[in-house]
């Protein structure tokens, strides 16, 4: 009986991965608004019932797609920076963390960036407020902030949680503002000055 349950779990994980892979390919190729759950199910040879066992909606896939891609992007780029700059100060690490994060929309594309925030802004759930922090590895950011506090690089009247919240609030604000401008400017170049302003305010 135990072996049957394990096989069932493995099959379920494989099905979920297949749905996600097919949906990602369709969305990136055709655009979100031109892809339906019916089409995803047809490509996967699944019923709609099977789809909804694994995902609540098409929007649920967008959230996971953004999360997975930005996590992979941060792993490849920011963690590479850490390995190559082991003597960097906490301030330099924090600045690089934010600048790398601001470069992600240019990699994943304008439409998917906007969709990710639209989907999460329309969610009536506490989960939506933690969306960006979930994507950007809070533990890693906390390590940087703790290092900065230990080295007396940040203001003593700010707690680690307040500093982390300031960073996430800044990044969310910059990304949403960029989306609302209809991507009218270079988010990375514009972000360089505002990141400096934020960091000075934290010191």
Protein backbone atom coordinates (compact mmCIF):
# COMPACT_ATOMS: atom_id res chain seq x y z
CA UNK A 1 0.00 0.00 0.00
CA UNK A 2 2.85 2.34 0.89
CA UNK A 3 4.52 1.75 -2.51
CA UNK A 4 1.23 2.58 -4.29
CA UNK A 5 0.95 5.89 -2.39
CA UNK A 6 4.53 6.78 -3.23
CA UNK A 7 3.99 6.04 -6.91
CA UNK A 8 0.87 8.17 -6.85
CA UNK A 9 2.78 11.06 -5.31
CA UNK A 10 5.54 10.77 -7.90
CA UNK A 11 2.99 10.72 -10.70
CA UNK A 12 1.30 13.79 -9.24
CA UNK A 13 4.58 15.71 -9.10
CA UNK A 14 5.38 14.73 -12.68
CA UNK A 15 1.93 15.90 -13.83
CA UNK A 16 2.30 19.23 -12.04
CA UNK A 17 5.72 19.78 -13.57
CA UNK A 18 4.37 18.95 -17.03
CA UNK A 19 1.50 21.44 -16.65
CA UNK A 20 3.91 24.15 -15.52
CA UNK A 21 6.40 23.50 -18.33
CA UNK A 22 3.73 23.52 -21.04
CA UNK A 23 1.98 26.59 -19.60
CA UNK A 24 5.28 28.49 -19.36
CA UNK A 25 6.14 27.73 -22.98
CA UNK A 26 2.67 28.76 -24.21
CA UNK A 27 2.58 31.98 -22.17
CA UNK A 28 6.06 33.08 -23.22
CA UNK A 29 5.35 32.22 -26.86
CA UNK A 30 1.77 33.45 -27.33
CA UNK A 31 1.29 35.92 -24.48
CA UNK A 32 -0.72 35.40 -21.30
CA UNK A 33 -4.06 36.69 -22.59
CA UNK A 34 -3.93 34.32 -25.59
CA UNK A 35 -3.50 31.17 -23.53
CA UNK A 36 -6.41 29.36 -21.89
CA UNK A 37 -6.61 26.59 -19.32
CA UNK A 38 -8.33 24.48 -21.99
CA UNK A 39 -5.33 24.88 -24.29
CA UNK A 40 -2.89 23.99 -21.53
CA UNK A 41 -4.92 20.88 -20.72
CA UNK A 42 -5.11 19.89 -24.38
CA UNK A 43 -1.34 20.17 -24.80
CA UNK A 44 -0.82 18.11 -21.65
CA UNK A 45 -3.52 15.55 -22.57
CA UNK A 46 -5.21 16.22 -19.23
CA UNK A 47 -8.72 17.02 -18.09
CA UNK A 48 -9.51 20.41 -16.55
CA UNK A 49 -10.20 18.55 -13.33
CA UNK A 50 -6.64 17.28 -13.31
CA UNK A 51 -5.36 20.82 -13.91
CA UNK A 52 -7.25 22.22 -10.93
CA UNK A 53 -5.88 19.53 -8.63
CA UNK A 54 -2.44 21.08 -9.07
CA UNK A 55 -3.15 24.76 -9.78
CA UNK A 56 -5.98 27.00 -8.61
CA UNK A 57 -5.92 29.02 -11.81
CA UNK A 58 -3.82 30.26 -14.71
CA UNK A 59 -2.80 33.13 -12.43
CA UNK A 60 -1.35 30.61 -9.98
CA UNK A 61 1.06 29.49 -12.70
CA UNK A 62 2.16 33.09 -13.32
CA UNK A 63 3.03 33.49 -9.65
CA UNK A 64 5.07 30.29 -9.64
CA UNK A 65 6.72 31.14 -12.95
CA UNK A 66 7.89 34.53 -11.65
CA UNK A 67 9.02 33.05 -8.33
CA UNK A 68 11.00 30.21 -9.88
CA UNK A 69 12.65 32.35 -12.54
CA UNK A 70 13.71 35.17 -10.21
CA UNK A 71 15.04 32.68 -7.66
CA UNK A 72 17.13 31.01 -10.36
CA UNK A 73 18.26 34.41 -11.66
CA UNK A 74 19.36 35.57 -8.19
CA UNK A 75 21.19 32.29 -7.62
CA UNK A 76 23.09 32.65 -10.88
CA UNK A 77 23.91 36.34 -10.56
CA UNK A 78 23.98 37.49 -6.94
CA UNK A 79 25.48 34.34 -5.49
CA UNK A 80 28.11 34.50 -8.20
CA UNK A 81 28.91 38.03 -7.03
CA UNK A 82 29.28 36.79 -3.45
CA UNK A 83 31.69 34.06 -4.51
CA UNK A 84 33.79 36.49 -6.55
CA UNK A 85 33.74 39.28 -3.93
CA UNK A 86 34.20 37.54 -0.60
CA UNK A 87 35.67 40.67 1.01
CA UNK A 88 32.81 42.96 -0.05
CA UNK A 89 31.22 45.00 2.72
CA UNK A 90 27.59 44.52 3.73
CA UNK A 91 26.80 47.86 2.09
CA UNK A 92 28.26 46.74 -1.23
CA UNK A 93 26.45 43.41 -0.95
CA UNK A 94 23.13 45.13 -0.25
CA UNK A 95 23.59 47.53 -3.15
CA UNK A 96 24.44 44.67 -5.51
CA UNK A 97 21.50 42.60 -4.23
CA UNK A 98 19.09 45.40 -5.14
CA UNK A 99 20.70 46.20 -8.49
CA UNK A 100 20.67 42.53 -9.52
CA UNK A 101 17.00 42.31 -8.53
CA UNK A 102 16.18 45.39 -10.62
CA UNK A 103 17.81 43.76 -13.64
CA UNK A 104 15.47 40.77 -13.54
CA UNK A 105 12.55 42.41 -15.43
CA UNK A 106 14.85 42.97 -18.39
CA UNK A 107 15.50 39.22 -18.46
CA UNK A 108 12.00 37.87 -17.98
CA UNK A 109 10.27 40.56 -20.03
CA UNK A 110 7.84 43.42 -19.51
CA UNK A 111 4.60 41.47 -19.90
CA UNK A 112 5.42 38.80 -17.36
CA UNK A 113 6.70 41.37 -14.85
CA UNK A 114 3.48 43.35 -15.09
CA UNK A 115 1.34 40.21 -14.93
CA UNK A 116 3.10 38.95 -11.82
CA UNK A 117 2.29 42.14 -9.95
CA UNK A 118 -1.26 42.41 -11.30
CA UNK A 119 -1.97 38.86 -10.19
CA UNK A 120 -0.59 39.46 -6.72
CA UNK A 121 -2.23 42.86 -6.25
CA UNK A 122 -5.61 41.32 -7.01
CA UNK A 123 -5.16 38.52 -4.50
CA UNK A 124 -7.18 38.99 -1.32
CA UNK A 125 -4.69 37.04 0.75
CA UNK A 126 -1.86 37.78 3.23
CA UNK A 127 0.31 35.77 0.83
CA UNK A 128 0.25 38.59 -1.71
CA UNK A 129 2.02 40.98 0.66
CA UNK A 130 4.96 38.60 1.03
CA UNK A 131 5.26 37.79 -2.67
CA UNK A 132 8.49 39.66 -3.45
CA UNK A 133 10.16 38.63 -0.19
CA UNK A 134 9.36 35.00 -1.02
CA UNK A 135 10.93 35.44 -4.44
CA UNK A 136 14.11 37.12 -3.22
CA UNK A 137 15.28 34.81 -0.44
CA UNK A 138 14.70 36.64 2.83
CA UNK A 139 17.31 34.56 4.67
CA UNK A 140 20.06 35.71 2.33
CA UNK A 141 19.08 39.36 2.75
CA UNK A 142 18.88 38.95 6.52
CA UNK A 143 22.45 37.63 6.54
CA UNK A 144 23.65 40.76 4.73
CA UNK A 145 21.73 43.04 7.08
CA UNK A 146 22.98 41.20 10.17
CA UNK A 147 26.54 41.57 8.90
CA UNK A 148 25.99 45.30 8.38
CA UNK A 149 24.51 45.72 11.86
CA UNK A 150 27.42 43.78 13.39
CA UNK A 151 29.89 46.07 11.58
CA UNK A 152 27.91 49.18 12.66
CA UNK A 153 27.21 50.12 9.04
CA UNK A 154 23.48 50.73 9.51
CA UNK A 155 21.60 53.17 11.72
CA UNK A 156 21.30 51.88 15.27
CA UNK A 157 17.64 52.94 15.53
CA UNK A 158 16.62 50.50 12.77
CA UNK A 159 16.01 46.82 13.45
CA UNK A 160 17.00 44.11 10.99
CA UNK A 161 13.32 43.59 10.09
CA UNK A 162 12.84 47.31 9.42
CA UNK A 163 15.86 47.41 7.12
CA UNK A 164 14.71 44.31 5.22
CA UNK A 165 11.17 45.72 4.91
CA UNK A 166 12.60 49.00 3.59
CA UNK A 167 14.50 47.09 0.89
CA UNK A 168 11.45 45.07 -0.18
CA UNK A 169 9.20 48.14 -0.12
CA UNK A 170 11.71 50.00 -2.26
CA UNK A 171 12.02 47.20 -4.82
CA UNK A 172 8.26 46.69 -5.01
CA UNK A 173 7.68 50.42 -5.47
CA UNK A 174 10.31 50.73 -8.21
CA UNK A 175 8.99 47.72 -10.13
CA UNK A 176 5.33 48.76 -9.89
CA UNK A 177 6.16 52.38 -10.87
CA UNK A 178 8.11 51.12 -13.88
CA UNK A 179 5.15 48.97 -14.92
CA UNK A 180 2.74 51.91 -14.51
CA UNK A 181 4.98 54.07 -16.72
CA UNK A 182 4.53 51.45 -19.44
CA UNK A 183 8.26 50.74 -19.23
CA UNK A 184 9.15 54.26 -20.36
CA UNK A 185 12.67 54.30 -18.92
CA UNK A 186 15.70 52.12 -18.15
CA UNK A 187 14.85 50.67 -14.74
CA UNK A 188 18.46 49.71 -13.98
CA UNK A 189 20.01 53.10 -14.82
CA UNK A 190 17.28 54.97 -12.97
CA UNK A 191 17.57 52.56 -10.07
CA UNK A 192 21.27 53.22 -9.51
CA UNK A 193 20.64 56.69 -8.03
CA UNK A 194 17.63 55.69 -5.97
CA UNK A 195 19.46 52.67 -4.55
CA UNK A 196 22.24 54.99 -3.41
CA UNK A 197 19.68 57.29 -1.77
CA UNK A 198 18.05 54.39 0.07
CA UNK A 199 21.36 53.00 1.31
CA UNK A 200 22.46 56.43 2.58
CA UNK A 201 19.17 56.66 4.45
CA UNK A 202 19.90 53.32 6.14
CA UNK A 203 23.37 54.38 7.29
